[in-house]
Protein backbone atom coordinates (compact mmCIF):
# COMPACT_ATOMS: atom_id res chain seq x y z
CA MET A 1 -52.70 9.20 24.61
CA TYR A 2 -56.34 9.87 25.36
CA LYS A 3 -58.19 13.11 24.80
CA GLU A 4 -58.99 15.49 27.66
CA ARG A 5 -62.70 14.56 27.51
CA ASN A 6 -61.82 10.89 27.96
CA LYS A 7 -59.45 11.77 30.78
CA ASP A 8 -62.24 13.61 32.60
CA ASP A 9 -64.58 10.64 32.11
CA LEU A 10 -61.98 8.21 33.45
CA LYS A 11 -61.32 10.40 36.48
CA LYS A 12 -65.05 10.64 37.24
CA ARG A 13 -65.43 6.88 36.95
CA LEU A 14 -62.46 6.30 39.25
CA ALA A 15 -63.85 8.75 41.80
CA ARG A 16 -67.12 6.78 41.81
CA ILE A 17 -65.21 3.54 42.26
CA GLU A 18 -63.28 5.09 45.12
CA GLY A 19 -66.62 5.96 46.72
CA GLN A 20 -67.83 2.40 46.20
CA ILE A 21 -64.74 1.04 47.95
CA ARG A 22 -65.26 3.40 50.89
CA GLY A 23 -68.88 2.21 51.01
CA ILE A 24 -67.76 -1.42 51.10
CA ASN A 25 -65.38 -0.63 53.93
CA ARG A 26 -68.21 1.07 55.81
CA MET A 27 -70.48 -1.94 55.21
CA ILE A 28 -67.87 -4.21 56.77
CA ASP A 29 -67.55 -1.88 59.78
CA GLU A 30 -71.33 -2.00 60.16
CA ASP A 31 -71.39 -5.83 59.95
CA ARG A 32 -73.74 -5.72 56.98
CA TYR A 33 -75.06 -8.86 55.34
CA CYS A 34 -72.25 -10.69 53.49
CA ILE A 35 -74.23 -11.05 50.26
CA ASP A 36 -74.83 -7.29 50.14
CA ILE A 37 -71.09 -6.67 50.55
CA LEU A 38 -70.24 -9.24 47.88
CA ASN A 39 -72.71 -7.59 45.49
CA GLN A 40 -71.01 -4.25 46.05
CA ILE A 41 -67.60 -5.81 45.46
CA ALA A 42 -68.88 -7.28 42.18
CA ALA A 43 -70.19 -3.84 41.14
CA ALA A 44 -66.85 -2.19 41.96
CA ARG A 45 -64.93 -4.84 40.02
CA ALA A 46 -67.22 -4.37 37.01
CA ALA A 47 -66.75 -0.61 37.15
CA LEU A 48 -62.97 -0.97 37.36
CA SER A 49 -63.04 -3.41 34.45
CA LYS A 50 -64.97 -0.83 32.41
CA VAL A 51 -62.27 1.77 33.11
CA GLY A 52 -59.66 -0.73 31.96
CA MET A 53 -61.56 -1.44 28.76
CA LEU A 54 -61.84 2.28 28.01
CA LEU A 55 -58.09 2.66 28.50
CA LEU A 56 -57.40 -0.33 26.26
CA LYS A 57 -59.65 1.10 23.56
CA SER A 58 -57.87 4.44 23.76
CA HIS A 59 -54.47 2.75 23.66
CA MET A 60 -55.39 0.71 20.60
CA ARG A 61 -56.79 3.70 18.74
CA GLY A 62 -53.88 5.93 19.60
CA CYS A 63 -50.62 4.22 20.52
CA VAL A 64 -51.09 0.96 18.63
CA THR A 65 -52.31 2.74 15.50
CA SER A 66 -49.28 5.06 15.62
CA ALA A 67 -46.92 2.14 16.11
CA ILE A 68 -48.37 0.35 13.08
CA LYS A 69 -47.97 3.47 10.95
CA GLU A 70 -44.37 3.75 12.15
CA GLU A 71 -43.74 0.08 11.30
CA ARG A 72 -43.39 -0.94 14.94
CA SER A 73 -46.41 -3.24 14.83
CA GLU A 74 -44.71 -6.35 16.23
CA GLN A 75 -43.56 -4.47 19.33
CA ALA A 76 -46.97 -2.86 19.82
CA ILE A 77 -48.82 -6.16 19.41
CA ASP A 78 -46.48 -7.95 21.85
CA GLU A 79 -46.98 -5.19 24.40
CA LEU A 80 -50.75 -5.26 23.90
CA MET A 81 -50.89 -9.03 24.28
CA ASP A 82 -48.86 -8.84 27.52
CA VAL A 83 -51.21 -6.30 29.04
CA LEU A 84 -54.32 -8.17 27.84
CA THR A 85 -53.03 -11.35 29.44
CA LYS A 86 -52.68 -9.52 32.77
CA PHE A 87 -55.98 -7.71 32.37
CA VAL A 88 -58.15 -10.78 31.79
CA ARG A 89 -56.84 -12.75 34.78
């Protein structure tokens, strides 16, 4: 899995994203300009994508590497490809 330092970083990033989402909700309540809301949505999506990439990197360095060493590479690659297909949609 990922190291404690990485876990703390991921949790901080997710807390910021949570704040961004609350801010978007508030903007909608306040009838803010649509373009401003869309820009905030784009920023939140980019931040969430970054969290996903960090998790993928950690998974590849940890779980996939272990699976290859244990001669379970085909299974690990299939699993990784499935999740990448979902992630890039």
